[in-house]
Amino acid sequence: MQYRVLTPDSTAVIVGHVIAHVSDHTSDHPHALIESVDRVAYYVPNDAAIAEARSNGKLTPNAFVQLRDISIAD
């Protein structure tokens, strides 16, 4: 399986399912691990929208997601 790490200057369209939520060991920031329908694993830093969705019970492991035109920024 291929993987892609999204950085603050990355953009992507991701359709797939949430594998897990993890913490980066160097920065201690949360990230989502998402497997797209084309079998690419994305390591996505949490932003305000992802944090809000998680707090509302969305983006649970195995949930199907569609993230469009996401741009990660600090």
PDB file of N, CA and C in Angstrom:
ATOM      1  N   MET A   1       0.843  -1.174   0.000  1.00  0.00           N
ATOM      2  CA  MET A   1       0.000   0.000   0.000  1.00  0.00           C
ATOM      3  C   MET A   1       0.893   1.245   0.000  1.00  0.00           C
ATOM      4  N   GLN A   2       0.523   2.207  -0.804  1.00  0.00           N
ATOM      5  CA  GLN A   2       1.237   3.476  -0.823  1.00  0.00           C
ATOM      6  C   GLN A   2       0.754   4.342   0.331  1.00  0.00           C
ATOM      7  N   TYR A   3       1.562   5.344   0.692  1.00  0.00           N
ATOM      8  CA  TYR A   3       1.115   6.284   1.705  1.00  0.00           C
ATOM      9  C   TYR A   3       1.541   7.686   1.323  1.00  0.00           C
ATOM     10  N   ARG A   4       0.844   8.664   1.879  1.00  0.00           N
ATOM     11  CA  ARG A   4       1.154  10.063   1.619  1.00  0.00           C
ATOM     12  C   ARG A   4       0.997  10.829   2.928  1.00  0.00           C
ATOM     13  N   VAL A   5       2.027  11.572   3.278  1.00  0.00           N
ATOM     14  CA  VAL A   5       1.997  12.408   4.472  1.00  0.00           C
ATOM     15  C   VAL A   5       1.649  13.819   4.028  1.00  0.00           C
ATOM     16  N   LEU A   6       0.541  14.353   4.551  1.00  0.00           N
ATOM     17  CA  LEU A   6       0.163  15.714   4.206  1.00  0.00           C
ATOM     18  C   LEU A   6       0.887  16.686   5.135  1.00  0.00           C
ATOM     19  N   THR A   7       1.441  17.727   4.549  1.00  0.00           N
ATOM     20  CA  THR A   7       2.152  18.761   5.293  1.00  0.00           C
ATOM     21  C   THR A   7       1.327  20.046   5.250  1.00  0.00           C
ATOM     22  N   PRO A   8       1.715  21.070   6.015  1.00  0.00           N
ATOM     23  CA  PRO A   8       0.909  22.303   6.030  1.00  0.00           C
ATOM     24  C   PRO A   8       0.669  22.936   4.654  1.00  0.00           C
ATOM     25  N   ASP A   9       1.531  22.701   3.691  1.00  0.00           N
ATOM     26  CA  ASP A   9       1.319  23.288   2.361  1.00  0.00           C
ATOM     27  C   ASP A   9       0.672  22.314   1.376  1.00  0.00           C
ATOM     28  N   SER A  10       0.214  21.157   1.861  1.00  0.00           N
ATOM     29  CA  SER A  10      -0.404  20.146   0.998  1.00  0.00           C
ATOM     30  C   SER A  10      -1.885  20.428   0.770  1.00  0.00           C
ATOM     31  N   THR A  11      -2.379  19.968  -0.370  1.00  0.00           N
ATOM     32  CA  THR A  11      -3.819  19.929  -0.624  1.00  0.00           C
ATOM     33  C   THR A  11      -4.149  18.545  -1.151  1.00  0.00           C
ATOM     34  N   ALA A  12      -5.375  18.096  -0.911  1.00  0.00           N
ATOM     35  CA  ALA A  12      -5.761  16.762  -1.366  1.00  0.00           C
ATOM     36  C   ALA A  12      -7.276  16.615  -1.365  1.00  0.00           C
ATOM     37  N   VAL A  13      -7.741  15.668  -2.147  1.00  0.00           N
ATOM     38  CA  VAL A  13      -9.130  15.213  -2.109  1.00  0.00           C
ATOM     39  C   VAL A  13      -9.047  13.747  -1.701  1.00  0.00           C
ATOM     40  N   ILE A  14      -9.697  13.404  -0.595  1.00  0.00           N
ATOM     41  CA  ILE A  14      -9.593  12.046  -0.064  1.00  0.00           C
ATOM     42  C   ILE A  14     -10.992  11.471   0.119  1.00  0.00           C
ATOM     43  N   VAL A  15     -11.216  10.289  -0.441  1.00  0.00           N
ATOM     44  CA  VAL A  15     -12.450   9.534  -0.239  1.00  0.00           C
ATOM     45  C   VAL A  15     -12.019   8.166   0.250  1.00  0.00           C
ATOM     46  N   GLY A  16     -12.488   7.777   1.422  1.00  0.00           N
ATOM     47  CA  GLY A  16     -12.085   6.492   1.977  1.00  0.00           C
ATOM     48  C   GLY A  16     -12.595   6.312   3.385  1.00  0.00           C
ATOM     49  N   HIS A  17     -11.884   5.497   4.169  1.00  0.00           N
ATOM     50  CA  HIS A  17     -12.336   5.264   5.539  1.00  0.00           C
ATOM     51  C   HIS A  17     -11.225   5.575   6.531  1.00  0.00           C
ATOM     52  N   VAL A  18     -11.667   5.970   7.713  1.00  0.00           N
ATOM     53  CA  VAL A  18     -10.738   6.299   8.789  1.00  0.00           C
ATOM     54  C   VAL A  18     -10.169   4.996   9.339  1.00  0.00           C
ATOM     55  N   ILE A  19      -8.847   4.915   9.399  1.00  0.00           N
ATOM     56  CA  ILE A  19      -8.199   3.748  10.001  1.00  0.00           C
ATOM     57  C   ILE A  19      -8.033   3.975  11.495  1.00  0.00           C
ATOM     58  N   ALA A  20      -7.484   5.141  11.866  1.00  0.00           N
ATOM     59  CA  ALA A  20      -7.222   5.431  13.285  1.00  0.00           C
ATOM     60  C   ALA A  20      -6.883   6.897  13.453  1.00  0.00           C
ATOM     61  N   HIS A  21      -6.838   7.324  14.691  1.00  0.00           N
ATOM     62  CA  HIS A  21      -6.333   8.640  15.061  1.00  0.00           C
ATOM     63  C   HIS A  21      -5.091   8.405  15.905  1.00  0.00           C
ATOM     64  N   VAL A  22      -4.017   9.117  15.573  1.00  0.00           N
ATOM     65  CA  VAL A  22      -2.728   8.894  16.232  1.00  0.00           C
ATOM     66  C   VAL A  22      -2.099  10.236  16.610  1.00  0.00           C
ATOM     67  N   SER A  23      -1.098  10.178  17.479  1.00  0.00           N
ATOM     68  CA  SER A  23      -0.320  11.365  17.833  1.00  0.00           C
ATOM     69  C   SER A  23       1.051  11.267  17.198  1.00  0.00           C
ATOM     70  N   ASP A  24       1.508  12.375  16.640  1.00  0.00           N
ATOM     71  CA  ASP A  24       2.856  12.438  16.085  1.00  0.00           C
ATOM     72  C   ASP A  24       3.842  12.386  17.248  1.00  0.00           C
ATOM     73  N   HIS A  25       4.813  11.498  17.170  1.00  0.00           N
ATOM     74  CA  HIS A  25       5.740  11.309  18.288  1.00  0.00           C
ATOM     75  C   HIS A  25       6.700  12.478  18.474  1.00  0.00           C
ATOM     76  N   THR A  26       6.982  13.219  17.423  1.00  0.00           N
ATOM     77  CA  THR A  26       7.919  14.337  17.565  1.00  0.00           C
ATOM     78  C   THR A  26       7.232  15.625  17.989  1.00  0.00           C
ATOM     79  N   SER A  27       6.020  15.861  17.495  1.00  0.00           N
ATOM     80  CA  SER A  27       5.327  17.117  17.819  1.00  0.00           C
ATOM     81  C   SER A  27       4.190  16.943  18.814  1.00  0.00           C
ATOM     82  N   ASP A  28       3.747  15.704  19.021  1.00  0.00           N
ATOM     83  CA  ASP A  28       2.613  15.372  19.893  1.00  0.00           C
ATOM     84  C   ASP A  28       1.280  15.927  19.374  1.00  0.00           C
ATOM     85  N   HIS A  29       1.221  16.298  18.087  1.00  0.00           N
ATOM     86  CA  HIS A  29      -0.018  16.765  17.480  1.00  0.00           C
ATOM     87  C   HIS A  29      -0.814  15.578  16.956  1.00  0.00           C
ATOM     88  N   PRO A  30      -2.151  15.647  17.058  1.00  0.00           N
ATOM     89  CA  PRO A  30      -2.987  14.549  16.565  1.00  0.00           C
ATOM     90  C   PRO A  30      -3.072  14.523  15.038  1.00  0.00           C
ATOM     91  N   HIS A  31      -3.196  13.326  14.488  1.00  0.00           N
ATOM     92  CA  HIS A  31      -3.332  13.102  13.049  1.00  0.00           C
ATOM     93  C   HIS A  31      -4.389  12.019  12.824  1.00  0.00           C
ATOM     94  N   ALA A  32      -5.010  12.061  11.662  1.00  0.00           N
ATOM     95  CA  ALA A  32      -5.927  10.999  11.241  1.00  0.00           C
ATOM     96  C   ALA A  32      -5.207  10.157  10.198  1.00  0.00           C
ATOM     97  N   LEU A  33      -5.385   8.869  10.277  1.00  0.00           N
ATOM     98  CA  LEU A  33      -4.848   7.953   9.276  1.00  0.00           C
ATOM     99  C   LEU A  33      -6.055   7.464   8.477  1.00  0.00           C
ATOM    100  N   ILE A  34      -6.077   7.806   7.180  1.00  0.00           N
ATOM    101  CA  ILE A  34      -7.231   7.518   6.324  1.00  0.00           C
ATOM    102  C   ILE A  34      -6.771   6.730   5.106  1.00  0.00           C
ATOM    103  N   GLU A  35      -7.458   5.617   4.829  1.00  0.00           N
ATOM    104  CA  GLU A  35      -7.166   4.832   3.624  1.00  0.00           C
ATOM    105  C   GLU A  35      -8.168   5.212   2.548  1.00  0.00           C
ATOM    106  N   SER A  36      -7.662   5.703   1.421  1.00  0.00           N
ATOM    107  CA  SER A  36      -8.541   6.124   0.334  1.00  0.00           C
ATOM    108  C   SER A  36      -9.036   4.907  -0.447  1.00  0.00           C
ATOM    109  N   VAL A  37     -10.066   5.137  -1.268  1.00  0.00           N
ATOM    110  CA  VAL A  37     -10.620   4.050  -2.069  1.00  0.00           C
ATOM    111  C   VAL A  37      -9.626   3.545  -3.105  1.00  0.00           C
ATOM    112  N   ASP A  38      -8.620   4.344  -3.438  1.00  0.00           N
ATOM    113  CA  ASP A  38      -7.588   3.883  -4.373  1.00  0.00           C
ATOM    114  C   ASP A  38      -6.383   3.302  -3.631  1.00  0.00           C
ATOM    115  N   ARG A  39      -6.586   2.897  -2.375  1.00  0.00           N
ATOM    116  CA  ARG A  39      -5.610   2.169  -1.545  1.00  0.00           C
ATOM    117  C   ARG A  39      -4.349   2.976  -1.243  1.00  0.00           C
ATOM    118  N   VAL A  40      -4.515   4.273  -0.982  1.00  0.00           N
ATOM    119  CA  VAL A  40      -3.423   5.111  -0.513  1.00  0.00           C
ATOM    120  C   VAL A  40      -3.747   5.497   0.922  1.00  0.00           C
ATOM    121  N   ALA A  41      -2.804   5.307   1.827  1.00  0.00           N
ATOM    122  CA  ALA A  41      -2.992   5.698   3.218  1.00  0.00           C
ATOM    123  C   ALA A  41      -2.509   7.135   3.383  1.00  0.00           C
ATOM    124  N   TYR A  42      -3.362   7.985   3.927  1.00  0.00           N
ATOM    125  CA  TYR A  42      -3.028   9.397   4.148  1.00  0.00           C
ATOM    126  C   TYR A  42      -2.851   9.652   5.638  1.00  0.00           C
ATOM    127  N   TYR A  43      -1.784  10.345   5.968  1.00  0.00           N
ATOM    128  CA  TYR A  43      -1.479  10.770   7.327  1.00  0.00           C
ATOM    129  C   TYR A  43      -1.833  12.251   7.367  1.00  0.00           C
ATOM    130  N   VAL A  44      -2.990  12.589   7.957  1.00  0.00           N
ATOM    131  CA  VAL A  44      -3.562  13.935   7.872  1.00  0.00           C
ATOM    132  C   VAL A  44      -3.494  14.629   9.225  1.00  0.00           C
ATOM    133  N   PRO A  45      -2.773  15.751   9.321  1.00  0.00           N
ATOM    134  CA  PRO A  45      -2.749  16.488  10.583  1.00  0.00           C
ATOM    135  C   PRO A  45      -4.150  17.015  10.905  1.00  0.00           C
ATOM    136  N   ASN A  46      -4.534  16.953  12.180  1.00  0.00           N
ATOM    137  CA  ASN A  46      -5.834  17.481  12.571  1.00  0.00           C
ATOM    138  C   ASN A  46      -5.836  18.996  12.459  1.00  0.00           C
ATOM    139  N   ASP A  47      -6.921  19.522  11.904  1.00  0.00           N
ATOM    140  CA  ASP A  47      -7.150  20.966  11.915  1.00  0.00           C
ATOM    141  C   ASP A  47      -8.446  21.197  12.693  1.00  0.00           C
ATOM    142  N   ALA A  48      -8.932  22.429  12.716  1.00  0.00           N
ATOM    143  CA  ALA A  48     -10.133  22.747  13.499  1.00  0.00           C
ATOM    144  C   ALA A  48     -11.349  21.947  13.030  1.00  0.00           C
ATOM    145  N   ALA A  49     -11.506  21.768  11.707  1.00  0.00           N
ATOM    146  CA  ALA A  49     -12.661  21.028  11.178  1.00  0.00           C
ATOM    147  C   ALA A  49     -12.614  19.557  11.579  1.00  0.00           C
ATOM    148  N   ILE A  50     -11.435  18.952  11.516  1.00  0.00           N
ATOM    149  CA  ILE A  50     -11.298  17.550  11.910  1.00  0.00           C
ATOM    150  C   ILE A  50     -11.530  17.405  13.408  1.00  0.00           C
ATOM    151  N   ALA A  51     -10.976  18.305  14.210  1.00  0.00           N
ATOM    152  CA  ALA A  51     -11.174  18.249  15.663  1.00  0.00           C
ATOM    153  C   ALA A  51     -12.653  18.392  16.021  1.00  0.00           C
ATOM    154  N   GLU A  52     -13.359  19.288  15.341  1.00  0.00           N
ATOM    155  CA  GLU A  52     -14.784  19.475  15.597  1.00  0.00           C
ATOM    156  C   GLU A  52     -15.584  18.230  15.214  1.00  0.00           C
ATOM    157  N   ALA A  53     -15.277  17.656  14.049  1.00  0.00           N
ATOM    158  CA  ALA A  53     -15.978  16.441  13.619  1.00  0.00           C
ATOM    159  C   ALA A  53     -15.751  15.304  14.604  1.00  0.00           C
ATOM    160  N   ARG A  54     -14.536  15.161  15.080  1.00  0.00           N
ATOM    161  CA  ARG A  54     -14.248  14.105  16.067  1.00  0.00           C
ATOM    162  C   ARG A  54     -15.006  14.338  17.358  1.00  0.00           C
ATOM    163  N   SER A  55     -15.064  15.594  17.811  1.00  0.00           N
ATOM    164  CA  SER A  55     -15.765  15.880  19.068  1.00  0.00           C
ATOM    165  C   SER A  55     -17.271  15.666  18.939  1.00  0.00           C
ATOM    166  N   ASN A  56     -17.793  15.709  17.709  1.00  0.00           N
ATOM    167  CA  ASN A  56     -19.212  15.456  17.456  1.00  0.00           C
ATOM    168  C   ASN A  56     -19.505  13.995  17.143  1.00  0.00           C
ATOM    169  N   GLY A  57     -18.514  13.115  17.358  1.00  0.00           N
ATOM    170  CA  GLY A  57     -18.725  11.685  17.157  1.00  0.00           C
ATOM    171  C   GLY A  57     -18.558  11.218  15.727  1.00  0.00           C
ATOM    172  N   LYS A  58     -18.072  12.087  14.864  1.00  0.00           N
ATOM    173  CA  LYS A  58     -17.817  11.697  13.474  1.00  0.00           C
ATOM    174  C   LYS A  58     -16.349  11.316  13.350  1.00  0.00           C
ATOM    175  N   LEU A  59     -15.966  10.799  12.220  1.00  0.00           N
ATOM    176  CA  LEU A  59     -14.583  10.375  11.939  1.00  0.00           C
ATOM    177  C   LEU A  59     -14.101   9.282  12.885  1.00  0.00           C
ATOM    178  N   THR A  60     -14.993   8.431  13.297  1.00  0.00           N
ATOM    179  CA  THR A  60     -14.595   7.295  14.118  1.00  0.00           C
ATOM    180  C   THR A  60     -13.912   6.260  13.240  1.00  0.00           C
ATOM    181  N   PRO A  61     -13.073   5.400  13.820  1.00  0.00           N
ATOM    182  CA  PRO A  61     -12.433   4.366  13.010  1.00  0.00           C
ATOM    183  C   PRO A  61     -13.469   3.559  12.219  1.00  0.00           C
ATOM    184  N   ASN A  62     -13.161   3.330  10.969  1.00  0.00           N
ATOM    185  CA  ASN A  62     -13.987   2.616   9.991  1.00  0.00           C
ATOM    186  C   ASN A  62     -15.078   3.477   9.370  1.00  0.00           C
ATOM    187  N   ALA A  63     -15.209   4.745   9.786  1.00  0.00           N
ATOM    188  CA  ALA A  63     -16.200   5.638   9.177  1.00  0.00           C
ATOM    189  C   ALA A  63     -15.757   5.988   7.763  1.00  0.00           C
ATOM    190  N   PHE A  64     -16.720   6.038   6.846  1.00  0.00           N
ATOM    191  CA  PHE A  64     -16.425   6.454   5.481  1.00  0.00           C
ATOM    192  C   PHE A  64     -16.412   7.977   5.442  1.00  0.00           C
ATOM    193  N   VAL A  65     -15.383   8.557   4.826  1.00  0.00           N
ATOM    194  CA  VAL A  65     -15.244  10.011   4.793  1.00  0.00           C
ATOM    195  C   VAL A  65     -14.970  10.499   3.377  1.00  0.00           C
ATOM    196  N   GLN A  66     -15.308  11.749   3.164  1.00  0.00           N
ATOM    197  CA  GLN A  66     -15.003  12.420   1.911  1.00  0.00           C
ATOM    198  C   GLN A  66     -14.484  13.802   2.286  1.00  0.00           C
ATOM    199  N   LEU A  67     -13.173  13.991   2.142  1.00  0.00           N
ATOM    200  CA  LEU A  67     -12.546  15.272   2.443  1.00  0.00           C
ATOM    201  C   LEU A  67     -12.196  15.910   1.115  1.00  0.00           C
ATOM    202  N   ARG A  68     -12.797  17.049   0.836  1.00  0.00           N
ATOM    203  CA  ARG A  68     -12.596  17.699  -0.462  1.00  0.00           C
ATOM    204  C   ARG A  68     -11.839  18.999  -0.306  1.00  0.00           C
ATOM    205  N   ASP A  69     -10.912  19.231  -1.210  1.00  0.00           N
ATOM    206  CA  ASP A  69     -10.173  20.495  -1.262  1.00  0.00           C
ATOM    207  C   ASP A  69      -9.618  20.900   0.090  1.00  0.00           C
ATOM    208  N   ILE A  70      -9.085  19.907   0.814  1.00  0.00           N
ATOM    209  CA  ILE A  70      -8.543  20.236   2.116  1.00  0.00           C
ATOM    210  C   ILE A  70      -7.173  20.865   1.952  1.00  0.00           C
ATOM    211  N   SER A  71      -6.941  21.845   2.747  1.00  0.00           N
ATOM    212  CA  SER A  71      -5.637  22.489   2.800  1.00  0.00           C
ATOM    213  C   SER A  71      -5.255  22.552   4.264  1.00  0.00           C
ATOM    214  N   ILE A  72      -4.127  21.983   4.609  1.00  0.00           N
ATOM    215  CA  ILE A  72      -3.696  21.914   5.991  1.00  0.00           C
ATOM    216  C   ILE A  72      -2.842  23.133   6.293  1.00  0.00           C
ATOM    217  N   ALA A  73      -3.196  23.856   7.330  1.00  0.00           N
ATOM    218  CA  ALA A  73      -2.406  25.030   7.738  1.00  0.00           C
ATOM    219  C   ALA A  73      -2.398  25.123   9.252  1.00  0.00           C
ATOM    220  N   ASP A  74      -1.305  25.653   9.797  1.00  0.00           N
ATOM    221  CA  ASP A  74      -1.217  25.834  11.257  1.00  0.00           C
ATOM    222  C   ASP A  74      -2.076  26.951  11.743  1.00  0.00           C
TER     223      ASP A  74
END
